[in-house]
Amino acid sequence: MRKIIIFFTIISLCTTTLLGQSGNIKINQSNKLDSIIKLKKELNSRIQNLRIQIYIGDRDNAEQIIQEFVEIFNDTKADVIYETPNYKVWVGNYYTQLEADKRLVEIRKKFRSAFIFRPERQEIFEDEIEADPNQEKLIMD
């Protein structure tokens, strides 16, 4: 009886390596998946940046709002933009709607009128302000 147990033990040890899994992996993937990925990349390349506007009104309040924002969210870019006759406080620079939505939820806890938008024009840089004195931009980083 003992010989039979030893025999089956040896047989089971020898066959375990034969019954093991091989290291080959085969992935069956639809050709449509490649076209969907290509389309997604193309759409992402066309996406303009998203911003969040937290205030529109006069200059004094805009400066006060941006100071409050910077104190609370010091890791986010914030700008005061002048578009006649109002000053606007724009914050963030997001490339996906999901990213902007997540941040909007946090920002609305303090600034209830905040909303997401896509700027129609490129923001003005400081060197362009000198060329056009009618436009003004204050940057708070």
Protein backbone atom coordinates (compact mmCIF):
# COMPACT_ATOMS: atom_id res chain seq x y z
CA MET A 1 0.00 0.00 0.00
CA ARG A 2 2.84 2.30 0.82
CA LYS A 3 4.45 1.66 -2.57
CA ILE A 4 1.22 2.67 -4.30
CA ILE A 5 1.08 5.97 -2.41
CA ILE A 6 4.72 6.73 -3.26
CA PHE A 7 4.08 5.78 -6.88
CA PHE A 8 1.06 8.11 -7.20
CA THR A 9 2.95 10.89 -5.45
CA ILE A 10 5.83 10.64 -7.92
CA ILE A 11 3.41 10.47 -10.88
CA SER A 12 1.47 13.53 -9.65
CA LEU A 13 4.67 15.55 -9.15
CA CYS A 14 5.88 14.71 -12.64
CA THR A 15 2.60 15.54 -14.34
CA THR A 16 1.97 18.89 -12.61
CA THR A 17 4.52 20.61 -14.84
CA LEU A 18 2.88 19.05 -17.89
CA LEU A 19 -0.54 20.35 -16.91
CA GLY A 20 0.66 23.87 -16.07
CA GLN A 21 -0.39 26.92 -18.05
CA SER A 22 1.61 28.07 -21.00
CA GLY A 23 2.81 31.69 -21.25
CA ASN A 24 1.05 32.44 -24.55
CA ILE A 25 -1.71 35.04 -24.59
CA LYS A 26 -3.94 35.60 -27.57
CA ILE A 27 -6.05 38.76 -27.73
CA ASN A 28 -9.01 38.81 -30.06
CA GLN A 29 -9.81 42.42 -30.84
CA SER A 30 -12.32 43.88 -33.22
CA ASN A 31 -11.08 46.08 -36.06
CA LYS A 32 -13.70 48.61 -34.99
CA LEU A 33 -11.78 49.20 -31.77
CA ASP A 34 -8.81 50.58 -33.70
CA SER A 35 -11.07 52.97 -35.62
CA ILE A 36 -12.74 54.12 -32.38
CA ILE A 37 -9.35 54.81 -30.77
CA LYS A 38 -8.27 56.76 -33.85
CA LEU A 39 -11.48 58.80 -33.77
CA LYS A 40 -11.07 59.51 -30.04
CA LYS A 41 -7.50 60.76 -30.59
CA GLU A 42 -8.69 62.99 -33.42
CA LEU A 43 -11.45 64.48 -31.27
CA ASN A 44 -9.10 65.06 -28.35
CA SER A 45 -6.67 66.92 -30.56
CA ARG A 46 -9.43 69.37 -31.51
CA ILE A 47 -10.65 70.02 -27.97
CA GLN A 48 -10.05 73.56 -26.83
CA ASN A 49 -9.24 74.28 -23.27
CA LEU A 50 -12.06 74.65 -20.78
CA ARG A 51 -12.14 77.35 -18.14
CA ILE A 52 -14.40 78.09 -15.17
CA GLN A 53 -15.83 81.56 -14.67
CA ILE A 54 -16.49 82.40 -11.04
CA TYR A 55 -17.34 86.12 -11.26
CA ILE A 56 -18.47 88.87 -13.62
CA GLY A 57 -18.80 92.48 -12.49
CA ASP A 58 -16.74 95.47 -11.39
CA ARG A 59 -12.97 95.55 -10.92
CA ASP A 60 -12.85 95.94 -7.14
CA ASN A 61 -15.03 92.91 -6.52
CA ALA A 62 -13.13 90.93 -9.17
CA GLU A 63 -9.86 91.57 -7.37
CA GLN A 64 -11.45 90.60 -4.05
CA ILE A 65 -12.90 87.39 -5.53
CA ILE A 66 -9.60 86.38 -7.10
CA GLN A 67 -7.79 86.89 -3.78
CA GLU A 68 -10.36 84.68 -2.02
CA PHE A 69 -10.01 82.06 -4.74
CA VAL A 70 -6.20 82.02 -4.56
CA GLU A 71 -6.33 81.60 -0.77
CA ILE A 72 -8.64 78.58 -1.07
CA PHE A 73 -7.39 77.00 -4.32
CA ASN A 74 -3.75 78.02 -4.48
CA ASP A 75 -2.91 75.24 -6.96
CA THR A 76 -5.14 76.60 -9.74
CA LYS A 77 -4.41 79.34 -12.26
CA ALA A 78 -6.68 82.39 -11.89
CA ASP A 79 -7.03 85.41 -14.20
CA VAL A 80 -9.01 88.64 -14.23
CA ILE A 81 -10.14 89.37 -17.78
CA TYR A 82 -11.56 92.72 -18.87
CA GLU A 83 -14.28 92.61 -21.51
CA THR A 84 -16.09 95.92 -21.77
CA PRO A 85 -17.81 96.81 -19.47
CA ASN A 86 -17.17 93.92 -17.07
CA TYR A 87 -14.32 92.20 -15.33
CA LYS A 88 -14.45 88.42 -15.32
CA VAL A 89 -12.58 85.99 -13.11
CA TRP A 90 -11.57 82.87 -15.03
CA VAL A 91 -9.89 79.96 -13.28
CA GLY A 92 -8.24 76.74 -14.30
CA ASN A 93 -7.26 75.34 -17.64
CA TYR A 94 -8.87 71.96 -18.26
CA TYR A 95 -8.58 69.75 -21.33
CA THR A 96 -11.37 67.27 -20.63
CA GLN A 97 -14.95 67.82 -19.59
CA LEU A 98 -14.60 65.29 -16.78
CA GLU A 99 -11.63 67.13 -15.29
CA ALA A 100 -13.49 70.45 -15.45
CA ASP A 101 -16.67 68.95 -13.96
CA LYS A 102 -14.79 67.52 -10.98
CA ARG A 103 -13.16 70.87 -10.25
CA LEU A 104 -16.45 72.75 -10.73
CA VAL A 105 -18.05 70.69 -7.96
CA GLU A 106 -15.30 71.80 -5.56
CA ILE A 107 -15.39 75.44 -6.68
CA ARG A 108 -19.19 75.74 -6.43
CA LYS A 109 -19.00 75.03 -2.71
CA LYS A 110 -17.57 78.55 -2.31
CA PHE A 111 -18.50 80.31 -5.59
CA ARG A 112 -22.07 79.24 -6.35
CA SER A 113 -22.39 81.05 -9.69
CA ALA A 114 -19.37 79.30 -11.23
CA PHE A 115 -19.78 77.63 -14.62
CA ILE A 116 -17.67 75.91 -17.27
CA PHE A 117 -17.10 77.45 -20.70
CA ARG A 118 -14.79 77.34 -23.71
CA PRO A 119 -13.11 80.68 -24.39
CA GLU A 120 -13.81 81.86 -27.93
CA ARG A 121 -10.59 83.81 -28.20
CA GLN A 122 -7.10 83.15 -27.03
CA GLU A 123 -6.19 84.90 -23.82
CA ILE A 124 -4.09 88.00 -24.12
CA PHE A 125 -0.53 87.89 -22.89
CA GLU A 126 1.13 90.79 -21.09
CA ASP A 127 3.18 91.86 -24.14
CA GLU A 128 -0.01 92.18 -26.21
CA ILE A 129 -1.61 94.45 -23.60
CA GLU A 130 0.95 97.14 -24.34
CA ALA A 131 0.00 97.01 -28.03
CA ASP A 132 -3.73 97.38 -27.28
CA PRO A 133 -4.39 99.74 -24.32
CA ASN A 134 -8.19 99.11 -24.47
CA GLN A 135 -7.76 95.55 -23.20
CA GLU A 136 -6.48 94.64 -19.76
CA LYS A 137 -5.58 91.41 -18.05
CA LEU A 138 -4.42 90.84 -14.50
CA ILE A 139 -2.72 87.55 -13.75
CA MET A 140 -2.62 86.02 -10.30
CA ASP A 141 -0.61 82.79 -10.03
